[in-house]
C-alpha atoms as a PDB file:
ATOM      1  CA  UNK A   1       6.109 -50.131  -8.825  1.00  0.00           C
ATOM      2  CA  UNK A   2       9.289 -49.514 -10.782  1.00  0.00           C
ATOM      3  CA  UNK A   3      11.794 -47.069  -9.326  1.00  0.00           C
ATOM      4  CA  UNK A   4      11.294 -44.475 -12.093  1.00  0.00           C
ATOM      5  CA  UNK A   5       7.539 -44.391 -11.583  1.00  0.00           C
ATOM      6  CA  UNK A   6       7.915 -44.342  -7.793  1.00  0.00           C
ATOM      7  CA  UNK A   7      10.298 -41.385  -8.095  1.00  0.00           C
ATOM      8  CA  UNK A   8       7.690 -39.559 -10.173  1.00  0.00           C
ATOM      9  CA  UNK A   9       5.220 -39.994  -7.329  1.00  0.00           C
ATOM     10  CA  UNK A  10       7.599 -38.990  -4.541  1.00  0.00           C
ATOM     11  CA  UNK A  11       8.766 -35.915  -6.477  1.00  0.00           C
ATOM     12  CA  UNK A  12       5.218 -34.577  -6.669  1.00  0.00           C
ATOM     13  CA  UNK A  13       2.811 -32.847  -4.325  1.00  0.00           C
ATOM     14  CA  UNK A  14      -0.937 -32.724  -3.759  1.00  0.00           C
ATOM     15  CA  UNK A  15      -3.381 -29.854  -3.729  1.00  0.00           C
ATOM     16  CA  UNK A  16      -7.032 -29.862  -2.562  1.00  0.00           C
ATOM     17  CA  UNK A  17      -9.790 -29.642  -5.146  1.00  0.00           C
ATOM     18  CA  UNK A  18     -13.517 -30.127  -4.421  1.00  0.00           C
ATOM     19  CA  UNK A  19     -12.722 -32.181  -1.331  1.00  0.00           C
ATOM     20  CA  UNK A  20     -10.250 -34.451  -3.126  1.00  0.00           C
ATOM     21  CA  UNK A  21      -6.460 -34.621  -3.471  1.00  0.00           C
ATOM     22  CA  UNK A  22      -4.950 -33.888  -6.863  1.00  0.00           C
ATOM     23  CA  UNK A  23      -1.373 -34.932  -7.588  1.00  0.00           C
ATOM     24  CA  UNK A  24       0.902 -32.594  -9.516  1.00  0.00           C
ATOM     25  CA  UNK A  25       4.539 -31.945 -10.318  1.00  0.00           C
ATOM     26  CA  UNK A  26       6.096 -28.539 -10.803  1.00  0.00           C
ATOM     27  CA  UNK A  27       9.686 -27.976 -11.824  1.00  0.00           C
ATOM     28  CA  UNK A  28      11.905 -25.759 -13.948  1.00  0.00           C
ATOM     29  CA  UNK A  29      12.169 -22.076 -14.679  1.00  0.00           C
ATOM     30  CA  UNK A  30      11.057 -19.843 -17.520  1.00  0.00           C
ATOM     31  CA  UNK A  31       7.615 -19.269 -19.055  1.00  0.00           C
ATOM     32  CA  UNK A  32       4.844 -21.263 -17.371  1.00  0.00           C
ATOM     33  CA  UNK A  33       3.914 -24.429 -19.274  1.00  0.00           C
ATOM     34  CA  UNK A  34       0.906 -26.582 -18.356  1.00  0.00           C
ATOM     35  CA  UNK A  35       0.968 -30.245 -19.434  1.00  0.00           C
ATOM     36  CA  UNK A  36      -2.484 -31.805 -19.769  1.00  0.00           C
ATOM     37  CA  UNK A  37      -2.250 -35.589 -20.028  1.00  0.00           C
ATOM     38  CA  UNK A  38      -4.547 -38.059 -21.732  1.00  0.00           C
ATOM     39  CA  UNK A  39      -6.537 -41.179 -20.929  1.00  0.00           C
ATOM     40  CA  UNK A  40      -6.155 -43.684 -19.337  1.00  0.00           C
ATOM     41  CA  UNK A  41      -2.837 -42.894 -17.628  1.00  0.00           C
ATOM     42  CA  UNK A  42      -1.415 -39.725 -16.063  1.00  0.00           C
ATOM     43  CA  UNK A  43       1.321 -37.087 -15.976  1.00  0.00           C
ATOM     44  CA  UNK A  44       3.990 -39.799 -16.194  1.00  0.00           C
ATOM     45  CA  UNK A  45       3.168 -39.794 -19.920  1.00  0.00           C
ATOM     46  CA  UNK A  46       5.461 -36.744 -20.076  1.00  0.00           C
ATOM     47  CA  UNK A  47       8.492 -38.312 -18.394  1.00  0.00           C
ATOM     48  CA  UNK A  48      10.533 -38.749 -21.590  1.00  0.00           C
ATOM     49  CA  UNK A  49      10.420 -35.021 -22.362  1.00  0.00           C
ATOM     50  CA  UNK A  50      10.238 -33.772 -18.761  1.00  0.00           C
ATOM     51  CA  UNK A  51      13.870 -32.806 -18.299  1.00  0.00           C
ATOM     52  CA  UNK A  52      14.110 -31.112 -21.695  1.00  0.00           C
ATOM     53  CA  UNK A  53      10.995 -29.109 -20.894  1.00  0.00           C
ATOM     54  CA  UNK A  54      12.079 -28.122 -17.380  1.00  0.00           C
ATOM     55  CA  UNK A  55      15.347 -26.754 -18.787  1.00  0.00           C
ATOM     56  CA  UNK A  56      13.314 -24.164 -20.715  1.00  0.00           C
ATOM     57  CA  UNK A  57       9.999 -23.775 -18.883  1.00  0.00           C
ATOM     58  CA  UNK A  58       8.326 -23.624 -15.481  1.00  0.00           C
ATOM     59  CA  UNK A  59       6.421 -26.867 -15.974  1.00  0.00           C
ATOM     60  CA  UNK A  60       3.203 -27.781 -14.154  1.00  0.00           C
ATOM     61  CA  UNK A  61       1.771 -31.275 -14.693  1.00  0.00           C
ATOM     62  CA  UNK A  62      -1.217 -32.570 -12.699  1.00  0.00           C
ATOM     63  CA  UNK A  63      -3.046 -35.911 -12.708  1.00  0.00           C
ATOM     64  CA  UNK A  64      -6.766 -35.561 -13.361  1.00  0.00           C
ATOM     65  CA  UNK A  65      -9.266 -36.909 -10.857  1.00  0.00           C
ATOM     66  CA  UNK A  66      -9.851 -40.622 -11.353  1.00  0.00           C
ATOM     67  CA  UNK A  67      -6.433 -41.084 -12.921  1.00  0.00           C
ATOM     68  CA  UNK A  68      -2.830 -41.626 -11.919  1.00  0.00           C
ATOM     69  CA  UNK A  69      -1.957 -40.636  -8.373  1.00  0.00           C
ATOM     70  CA  UNK A  70      -4.904 -38.302  -7.793  1.00  0.00           C
ATOM     71  CA  UNK A  71      -7.961 -39.417  -5.842  1.00  0.00           C
ATOM     72  CA  UNK A  72     -10.308 -41.811  -7.628  1.00  0.00           C
ATOM     73  CA  UNK A  73     -13.728 -41.466  -5.977  1.00  0.00           C
ATOM     74  CA  UNK A  74     -16.009 -44.369  -6.847  1.00  0.00           C
ATOM     75  CA  UNK A  75     -19.376 -42.598  -6.749  1.00  0.00           C
ATOM     76  CA  UNK A  76     -18.431 -39.660  -8.886  1.00  0.00           C
ATOM     77  CA  UNK A  77     -19.462 -38.162 -12.210  1.00  0.00           C
ATOM     78  CA  UNK A  78     -16.239 -37.513 -14.085  1.00  0.00           C
ATOM     79  CA  UNK A  79     -16.455 -34.841 -16.756  1.00  0.00           C
ATOM     80  CA  UNK A  80     -14.309 -32.725 -19.033  1.00  0.00           C
ATOM     81  CA  UNK A  81     -15.877 -29.634 -17.474  1.00  0.00           C
ATOM     82  CA  UNK A  82     -14.658 -30.657 -14.018  1.00  0.00           C
ATOM     83  CA  UNK A  83     -11.216 -31.497 -15.382  1.00  0.00           C
ATOM     84  CA  UNK A  84     -11.067 -27.963 -16.808  1.00  0.00           C
ATOM     85  CA  UNK A  85     -12.164 -26.572 -13.423  1.00  0.00           C
ATOM     86  CA  UNK A  86      -9.323 -28.488 -11.762  1.00  0.00           C
ATOM     87  CA  UNK A  87      -6.639 -27.199 -14.120  1.00  0.00           C
ATOM     88  CA  UNK A  88      -7.840 -23.630 -13.684  1.00  0.00           C
ATOM     89  CA  UNK A  89      -7.929 -24.048  -9.896  1.00  0.00           C
ATOM     90  CA  UNK A  90      -4.364 -25.372  -9.939  1.00  0.00           C
ATOM     91  CA  UNK A  91      -3.157 -22.435 -12.043  1.00  0.00           C
ATOM     92  CA  UNK A  92      -4.734 -20.002  -9.578  1.00  0.00           C
ATOM     93  CA  UNK A  93      -3.356 -21.891  -6.562  1.00  0.00           C
ATOM     94  CA  UNK A  94       0.131 -21.792  -8.084  1.00  0.00           C
ATOM     95  CA  UNK A  95      -0.121 -18.086  -8.905  1.00  0.00           C
ATOM     96  CA  UNK A  96       0.098 -18.617 -12.672  1.00  0.00           C
ATOM     97  CA  UNK A  97      -1.482 -15.702 -14.552  1.00  0.00           C
ATOM     98  CA  UNK A  98      -0.542 -16.706 -18.115  1.00  0.00           C
ATOM     99  CA  UNK A  99       0.463 -20.054 -19.501  1.00  0.00           C
ATOM    100  CA  UNK A 100       1.530 -22.096 -22.514  1.00  0.00           C
ATOM    101  CA  UNK A 101      -0.184 -25.482 -22.860  1.00  0.00           C
ATOM    102  CA  UNK A 102       0.802 -28.858 -24.278  1.00  0.00           C
ATOM    103  CA  UNK A 103      -2.138 -31.301 -24.322  1.00  0.00           C
ATOM    104  CA  UNK A 104      -2.749 -34.910 -25.356  1.00  0.00           C
ATOM    105  CA  UNK A 105      -5.812 -37.151 -25.888  1.00  0.00           C
ATOM    106  CA  UNK A 106      -8.439 -36.388 -23.198  1.00  0.00           C
ATOM    107  CA  UNK A 107      -6.325 -33.328 -22.481  1.00  0.00           C
ATOM    108  CA  UNK A 108      -7.143 -31.771 -25.865  1.00  0.00           C
ATOM    109  CA  UNK A 109     -10.844 -31.729 -24.940  1.00  0.00           C
ATOM    110  CA  UNK A 110     -10.037 -30.221 -21.542  1.00  0.00           C
ATOM    111  CA  UNK A 111      -8.041 -27.455 -23.200  1.00  0.00           C
ATOM    112  CA  UNK A 112     -10.743 -26.868 -25.819  1.00  0.00           C
ATOM    113  CA  UNK A 113     -13.148 -26.233 -22.935  1.00  0.00           C
ATOM    114  CA  UNK A 114     -10.626 -23.911 -21.276  1.00  0.00           C
ATOM    115  CA  UNK A 115     -10.278 -21.976 -24.535  1.00  0.00           C
ATOM    116  CA  UNK A 116     -14.050 -21.767 -24.951  1.00  0.00           C
ATOM    117  CA  UNK A 117     -14.422 -20.228 -21.497  1.00  0.00           C
ATOM    118  CA  UNK A 118     -11.977 -17.483 -22.331  1.00  0.00           C
ATOM    119  CA  UNK A 119     -14.124 -16.234 -25.205  1.00  0.00           C
ATOM    120  CA  UNK A 120     -16.617 -14.902 -22.644  1.00  0.00           C
ATOM    121  CA  UNK A 121     -14.459 -14.614 -19.502  1.00  0.00           C
ATOM    122  CA  UNK A 122     -11.134 -12.877 -20.177  1.00  0.00           C
ATOM    123  CA  UNK A 123     -10.454 -12.694 -16.411  1.00  0.00           C
ATOM    124  CA  UNK A 124      -9.361 -16.352 -16.397  1.00  0.00           C
ATOM    125  CA  UNK A 125      -5.601 -17.083 -16.504  1.00  0.00           C
ATOM    126  CA  UNK A 126      -4.392 -16.132 -19.978  1.00  0.00           C
ATOM    127  CA  UNK A 127      -3.521 -18.926 -22.412  1.00  0.00           C
ATOM    128  CA  UNK A 128      -0.661 -17.690 -24.599  1.00  0.00           C
ATOM    129  CA  UNK A 129      -0.491 -20.624 -27.031  1.00  0.00           C
ATOM    130  CA  UNK A 130      -1.510 -24.286 -27.277  1.00  0.00           C
ATOM    131  CA  UNK A 131       0.248 -27.263 -28.842  1.00  0.00           C
ATOM    132  CA  UNK A 132      -2.058 -30.238 -29.270  1.00  0.00           C
ATOM    133  CA  UNK A 133      -0.900 -33.829 -29.599  1.00  0.00           C
ATOM    134  CA  UNK A 134      -3.127 -36.660 -30.838  1.00  0.00           C
ATOM    135  CA  UNK A 135      -6.691 -36.452 -29.584  1.00  0.00           C
ATOM    136  CA  UNK A 136     -10.317 -36.133 -30.629  1.00  0.00           C
ATOM    137  CA  UNK A 137     -10.347 -32.459 -31.590  1.00  0.00           C
ATOM    138  CA  UNK A 138     -13.182 -33.103 -34.053  1.00  0.00           C
ATOM    139  CA  UNK A 139     -15.554 -35.878 -32.960  1.00  0.00           C
ATOM    140  CA  UNK A 140     -16.949 -36.357 -36.466  1.00  0.00           C
ATOM    141  CA  UNK A 141     -13.662 -37.956 -37.591  1.00  0.00           C
ATOM    142  CA  UNK A 142     -12.530 -39.545 -34.309  1.00  0.00           C
ATOM    143  CA  UNK A 143     -12.414 -43.360 -34.555  1.00  0.00           C
ATOM    144  CA  UNK A 144     -12.939 -45.014 -31.160  1.00  0.00           C
ATOM    145  CA  UNK A 145     -11.984 -48.649 -30.904  1.00  0.00           C
ATOM    146  CA  UNK A 146     -14.449 -51.364 -29.935  1.00  0.00           C
ATOM    147  CA  UNK A 147     -13.167 -51.568 -26.347  1.00  0.00           C
ATOM    148  CA  UNK A 148     -13.731 -47.809 -25.954  1.00  0.00           C
ATOM    149  CA  UNK A 149     -17.295 -48.054 -27.238  1.00  0.00           C
ATOM    150  CA  UNK A 150     -18.088 -50.946 -24.911  1.00  0.00           C
ATOM    151  CA  UNK A 151     -16.592 -49.290 -21.818  1.00  0.00           C
ATOM    152  CA  UNK A 152     -18.422 -46.022 -22.591  1.00  0.00           C
ATOM    153  CA  UNK A 153     -21.752 -47.852 -22.739  1.00  0.00           C
ATOM    154  CA  UNK A 154     -23.836 -48.918 -19.710  1.00  0.00           C
ATOM    155  CA  UNK A 155     -22.156 -52.327 -20.018  1.00  0.00           C
ATOM    156  CA  UNK A 156     -18.934 -50.633 -18.945  1.00  0.00           C
ATOM    157  CA  UNK A 157     -20.146 -50.504 -15.349  1.00  0.00           C
ATOM    158  CA  UNK A 158     -19.976 -54.291 -15.287  1.00  0.00           C
ATOM    159  CA  UNK A 159     -17.149 -54.981 -17.703  1.00  0.00           C
ATOM    160  CA  UNK A 160     -14.821 -52.106 -16.780  1.00  0.00           C
ATOM    161  CA  UNK A 161     -13.630 -53.446 -13.411  1.00  0.00           C
ATOM    162  CA  UNK A 162     -13.267 -56.911 -14.974  1.00  0.00           C
ATOM    163  CA  UNK A 163     -11.063 -55.806 -17.888  1.00  0.00           C
ATOM    164  CA  UNK A 164      -8.147 -58.288 -17.866  1.00  0.00           C
ATOM    165  CA  UNK A 165      -4.597 -56.901 -18.106  1.00  0.00           C
ATOM    166  CA  UNK A 166      -3.878 -58.712 -21.411  1.00  0.00           C
ATOM    167  CA  UNK A 167      -6.790 -56.871 -23.062  1.00  0.00           C
ATOM    168  CA  UNK A 168      -5.538 -53.527 -21.745  1.00  0.00           C
ATOM    169  CA  UNK A 169      -2.071 -54.316 -23.086  1.00  0.00           C
ATOM    170  CA  UNK A 170      -3.519 -55.174 -26.491  1.00  0.00           C
ATOM    171  CA  UNK A 171      -5.651 -52.010 -26.577  1.00  0.00           C
ATOM    172  CA  UNK A 172      -2.629 -49.854 -25.756  1.00  0.00           C
ATOM    173  CA  UNK A 173      -0.196 -51.565 -28.121  1.00  0.00           C
ATOM    174  CA  UNK A 174      -2.476 -51.262 -31.137  1.00  0.00           C
ATOM    175  CA  UNK A 175      -2.452 -47.446 -31.053  1.00  0.00           C
ATOM    176  CA  UNK A 176       1.365 -47.171 -30.976  1.00  0.00           C
ATOM    177  CA  UNK A 177       3.336 -46.956 -34.203  1.00  0.00           C
ATOM    178  CA  UNK A 178       4.717 -50.120 -35.835  1.00  0.00           C
ATOM    179  CA  UNK A 179       8.302 -49.402 -34.758  1.00  0.00           C
ATOM    180  CA  UNK A 180       7.609 -47.794 -31.381  1.00  0.00           C
ATOM    181  CA  UNK A 181       5.594 -50.360 -29.432  1.00  0.00           C
ATOM    182  CA  UNK A 182       5.788 -50.067 -25.623  1.00  0.00           C
ATOM    183  CA  UNK A 183       8.331 -52.241 -23.858  1.00  0.00           C
ATOM    184  CA  UNK A 184       7.515 -54.710 -21.104  1.00  0.00           C
ATOM    185  CA  UNK A 185       8.645 -52.063 -18.575  1.00  0.00           C
ATOM    186  CA  UNK A 186       6.355 -49.487 -20.180  1.00  0.00           C
ATOM    187  CA  UNK A 187       3.408 -51.843 -19.947  1.00  0.00           C
ATOM    188  CA  UNK A 188       4.165 -52.570 -16.307  1.00  0.00           C
ATOM    189  CA  UNK A 189       4.106 -48.820 -15.620  1.00  0.00           C
ATOM    190  CA  UNK A 190       0.822 -48.406 -17.490  1.00  0.00           C
ATOM    191  CA  UNK A 191      -0.832 -51.165 -15.474  1.00  0.00           C
ATOM    192  CA  UNK A 192       0.529 -49.841 -12.175  1.00  0.00           C
ATOM    193  CA  UNK A 193      -0.832 -46.374 -12.969  1.00  0.00           C
ATOM    194  CA  UNK A 194      -4.297 -47.696 -13.839  1.00  0.00           C
ATOM    195  CA  UNK A 195      -4.400 -50.005 -10.820  1.00  0.00           C
ATOM    196  CA  UNK A 196      -3.101 -47.414  -8.340  1.00  0.00           C
ATOM    197  CA  UNK A 197      -5.630 -46.604  -5.617  1.00  0.00           C
ATOM    198  CA  UNK A 198      -8.188 -49.106  -7.027  1.00  0.00           C
ATOM    199  CA  UNK A 199      -8.332 -47.260 -10.335  1.00  0.00           C
ATOM    200  CA  UNK A 200      -9.835 -50.129 -12.305  1.00  0.00           C
ATOM    201  CA  UNK A 201     -13.166 -49.402 -10.544  1.00  0.00           C
ATOM    202  CA  UNK A 202     -13.422 -45.922 -12.048  1.00  0.00           C
ATOM    203  CA  UNK A 203     -11.331 -46.067 -15.228  1.00  0.00           C
ATOM    204  CA  UNK A 204     -14.334 -46.766 -17.463  1.00  0.00           C
ATOM    205  CA  UNK A 205     -16.225 -43.848 -15.903  1.00  0.00           C
ATOM    206  CA  UNK A 206     -13.415 -41.435 -16.704  1.00  0.00           C
ATOM    207  CA  UNK A 207     -13.353 -42.828 -20.238  1.00  0.00           C
ATOM    208  CA  UNK A 208     -16.875 -41.623 -20.935  1.00  0.00           C
ATOM    209  CA  UNK A 209     -15.438 -38.211 -21.765  1.00  0.00           C
ATOM    210  CA  UNK A 210     -15.667 -39.379 -25.398  1.00  0.00           C
ATOM    211  CA  UNK A 211     -19.449 -38.977 -25.168  1.00  0.00           C
ATOM    212  CA  UNK A 212     -19.041 -35.328 -24.180  1.00  0.00           C
ATOM    213  CA  UNK A 213     -17.145 -34.552 -27.360  1.00  0.00           C
ATOM    214  CA  UNK A 214     -20.273 -34.874 -29.497  1.00  0.00           C
ATOM    215  CA  UNK A 215     -22.404 -32.971 -26.977  1.00  0.00           C
ATOM    216  CA  UNK A 216     -20.043 -29.995 -26.838  1.00  0.00           C
ATOM    217  CA  UNK A 217     -18.731 -30.184 -30.384  1.00  0.00           C
ATOM    218  CA  UNK A 218     -19.714 -26.672 -31.470  1.00  0.00           C
ATOM    219  CA  UNK A 219     -18.512 -25.084 -28.236  1.00  0.00           C
ATOM    220  CA  UNK A 220     -15.134 -26.832 -28.353  1.00  0.00           C
ATOM    221  CA  UNK A 221     -14.466 -26.317 -32.061  1.00  0.00           C
ATOM    222  CA  UNK A 222     -15.323 -22.600 -32.012  1.00  0.00           C
ATOM    223  CA  UNK A 223     -12.030 -21.419 -30.437  1.00  0.00           C
ATOM    224  CA  UNK A 224     -10.104 -23.496 -32.997  1.00  0.00           C
ATOM    225  CA  UNK A 225     -12.084 -22.209 -35.959  1.00  0.00           C
ATOM    226  CA  UNK A 226     -11.617 -18.653 -34.713  1.00  0.00           C
ATOM    227  CA  UNK A 227      -7.942 -19.273 -33.821  1.00  0.00           C
ATOM    228  CA  UNK A 228      -8.374 -17.371 -30.557  1.00  0.00           C
ATOM    229  CA  UNK A 229      -4.754 -18.185 -29.595  1.00  0.00           C
ATOM    230  CA  UNK A 230      -1.758 -19.484 -31.599  1.00  0.00           C
ATOM    231  CA  UNK A 231      -2.173 -23.227 -32.199  1.00  0.00           C
ATOM    232  CA  UNK A 232      -0.022 -26.105 -33.387  1.00  0.00           C
ATOM    233  CA  UNK A 233      -1.084 -29.722 -33.950  1.00  0.00           C
ATOM    234  CA  UNK A 234       1.722 -32.281 -33.508  1.00  0.00           C
ATOM    235  CA  UNK A 235       0.252 -35.450 -34.964  1.00  0.00           C
ATOM    236  CA  UNK A 236       1.379 -39.066 -34.833  1.00  0.00           C
ATOM    237  CA  UNK A 237       0.180 -39.961 -38.313  1.00  0.00           C
ATOM    238  CA  UNK A 238      -0.483 -43.711 -37.909  1.00  0.00           C
ATOM    239  CA  UNK A 239      -2.647 -43.423 -34.797  1.00  0.00           C
ATOM    240  CA  UNK A 240      -5.861 -45.337 -35.695  1.00  0.00           C
ATOM    241  CA  UNK A 241      -7.937 -43.077 -33.411  1.00  0.00           C
ATOM    242  CA  UNK A 242      -6.750 -39.599 -34.313  1.00  0.00           C
ATOM    243  CA  UNK A 243      -3.904 -39.845 -36.780  1.00  0.00           C
ATOM    244  CA  UNK A 244      -3.582 -38.468 -40.324  1.00  0.00           C
ATOM    245  CA  UNK A 245      -7.357 -38.315 -40.747  1.00  0.00           C
ATOM    246  CA  UNK A 246      -7.612 -35.966 -37.730  1.00  0.00           C
ATOM    247  CA  UNK A 247      -4.818 -33.805 -39.129  1.00  0.00           C
ATOM    248  CA  UNK A 248      -6.703 -33.602 -42.442  1.00  0.00           C
ATOM    249  CA  UNK A 249      -9.817 -32.367 -40.662  1.00  0.00           C
ATOM    250  CA  UNK A 250      -7.726 -29.907 -38.653  1.00  0.00           C
ATOM    251  CA  UNK A 251      -6.446 -28.415 -41.923  1.00  0.00           C
ATOM    252  CA  UNK A 252     -10.040 -28.025 -43.135  1.00  0.00           C
ATOM    253  CA  UNK A 253     -11.335 -26.243 -40.026  1.00  0.00           C
ATOM    254  CA  UNK A 254      -8.475 -24.229 -38.523  1.00  0.00           C
ATOM    255  CA  UNK A 255      -7.386 -21.084 -40.385  1.00  0.00           C
ATOM    256  CA  UNK A 256      -3.707 -21.061 -41.428  1.00  0.00           C
ATOM    257  CA  UNK A 257      -3.271 -24.539 -39.896  1.00  0.00           C
ATOM    258  CA  UNK A 258       0.078 -25.324 -38.289  1.00  0.00           C
ATOM    259  CA  UNK A 259       0.501 -29.107 -38.390  1.00  0.00           C
ATOM    260  CA  UNK A 260       3.613 -31.164 -37.680  1.00  0.00           C
ATOM    261  CA  UNK A 261       3.162 -34.745 -38.895  1.00  0.00           C
ATOM    262  CA  UNK A 262       5.302 -37.490 -37.368  1.00  0.00           C
ATOM    263  CA  UNK A 263       5.484 -40.414 -39.792  1.00  0.00           C
ATOM    264  CA  UNK A 264       5.144 -43.955 -38.400  1.00  0.00           C
ATOM    265  CA  UNK A 265       4.308 -42.536 -34.962  1.00  0.00           C
ATOM    266  CA  UNK A 266       1.075 -43.478 -33.242  1.00  0.00           C
ATOM    267  CA  UNK A 267      -1.115 -42.086 -30.498  1.00  0.00           C
ATOM    268  CA  UNK A 268       1.581 -41.184 -27.922  1.00  0.00           C
ATOM    269  CA  UNK A 269       4.127 -38.915 -29.701  1.00  0.00           C
ATOM    270  CA  UNK A 270       5.692 -37.825 -26.399  1.00  0.00           C
ATOM    271  CA  UNK A 271       6.534 -41.463 -25.611  1.00  0.00           C
ATOM    272  CA  UNK A 272       7.197 -42.762 -29.125  1.00  0.00           C
ATOM    273  CA  UNK A 273       9.185 -39.820 -30.522  1.00  0.00           C
ATOM    274  CA  UNK A 274      10.140 -37.706 -27.504  1.00  0.00           C
ATOM    275  CA  UNK A 275      12.903 -35.719 -29.190  1.00  0.00           C
ATOM    276  CA  UNK A 276      10.814 -34.811 -32.236  1.00  0.00           C
ATOM    277  CA  UNK A 277       7.859 -33.955 -30.022  1.00  0.00           C
ATOM    278  CA  UNK A 278       9.937 -31.715 -27.776  1.00  0.00           C
ATOM    279  CA  UNK A 279      11.533 -29.950 -30.733  1.00  0.00           C
ATOM    280  CA  UNK A 280       8.169 -29.340 -32.412  1.00  0.00           C
ATOM    281  CA  UNK A 281       6.600 -27.964 -29.228  1.00  0.00           C
ATOM    282  CA  UNK A 282       9.604 -25.916 -28.169  1.00  0.00           C
ATOM    283  CA  UNK A 283      10.078 -24.352 -31.620  1.00  0.00           C
ATOM    284  CA  UNK A 284       6.409 -23.357 -31.604  1.00  0.00           C
ATOM    285  CA  UNK A 285       6.436 -21.889 -28.086  1.00  0.00           C
ATOM    286  CA  UNK A 286       9.647 -19.958 -28.648  1.00  0.00           C
ATOM    287  CA  UNK A 287       8.806 -18.809 -32.172  1.00  0.00           C
ATOM    288  CA  UNK A 288      11.823 -20.472 -33.761  1.00  0.00           C
END
């Protein structure tokens, strides 16, 4: 494990959730900001904007179960609903009563579920505003790649643990922008994160969250269509999964849509264009 990634681990803590250990980092001062990472990696996805964020916010960034440095139980049903439960439990455990949120990929579905719950249960920790990065906000226009469809199928139980590193590298590289491909060091970090604590045995199970998006589509789109909290969509436009076509659908569904398009940026804006991503999120949260 590279020193930077190892430092990320040693700088964090663990909290108990449903009999498991969940890794998280908390740092900074100011308004509370929850970072909800995507699939298939972890909170280290935020490392290029971490120090800028912690200068302005009290930042809380956990790893979801089955991912990163959190526990990865083998015989477990991973779900977006449980991921939402975990984030809410962490907020309560940390004494956070209201929060800003920045979410990416799988994280956008988790936050959509959190928003949906608050329509009927206002006693939950208050969400002040949400900035979404690339993710499947609207399943009808999301474009999963072949490897995602295979791993989400029953065949994934056999093929998932056998996925060779070169195929993972290819799958990751193809969703980055043409000028912002991950370096060899980045790819080493990605593989270490997936492999940590025997993660290759559960990674495909976590990835089946894409199936839940269709099942809960109406529930998860409702808080966006009603604009229950201030929203911004920061979109890497050339992402083949959820790029400009997702932003176009967002403009159709969300009233008074606030979209920041990042040209030639792919699926990971916080890694590919960290300064632009920070500026877009910070300006939104601070009202600049």
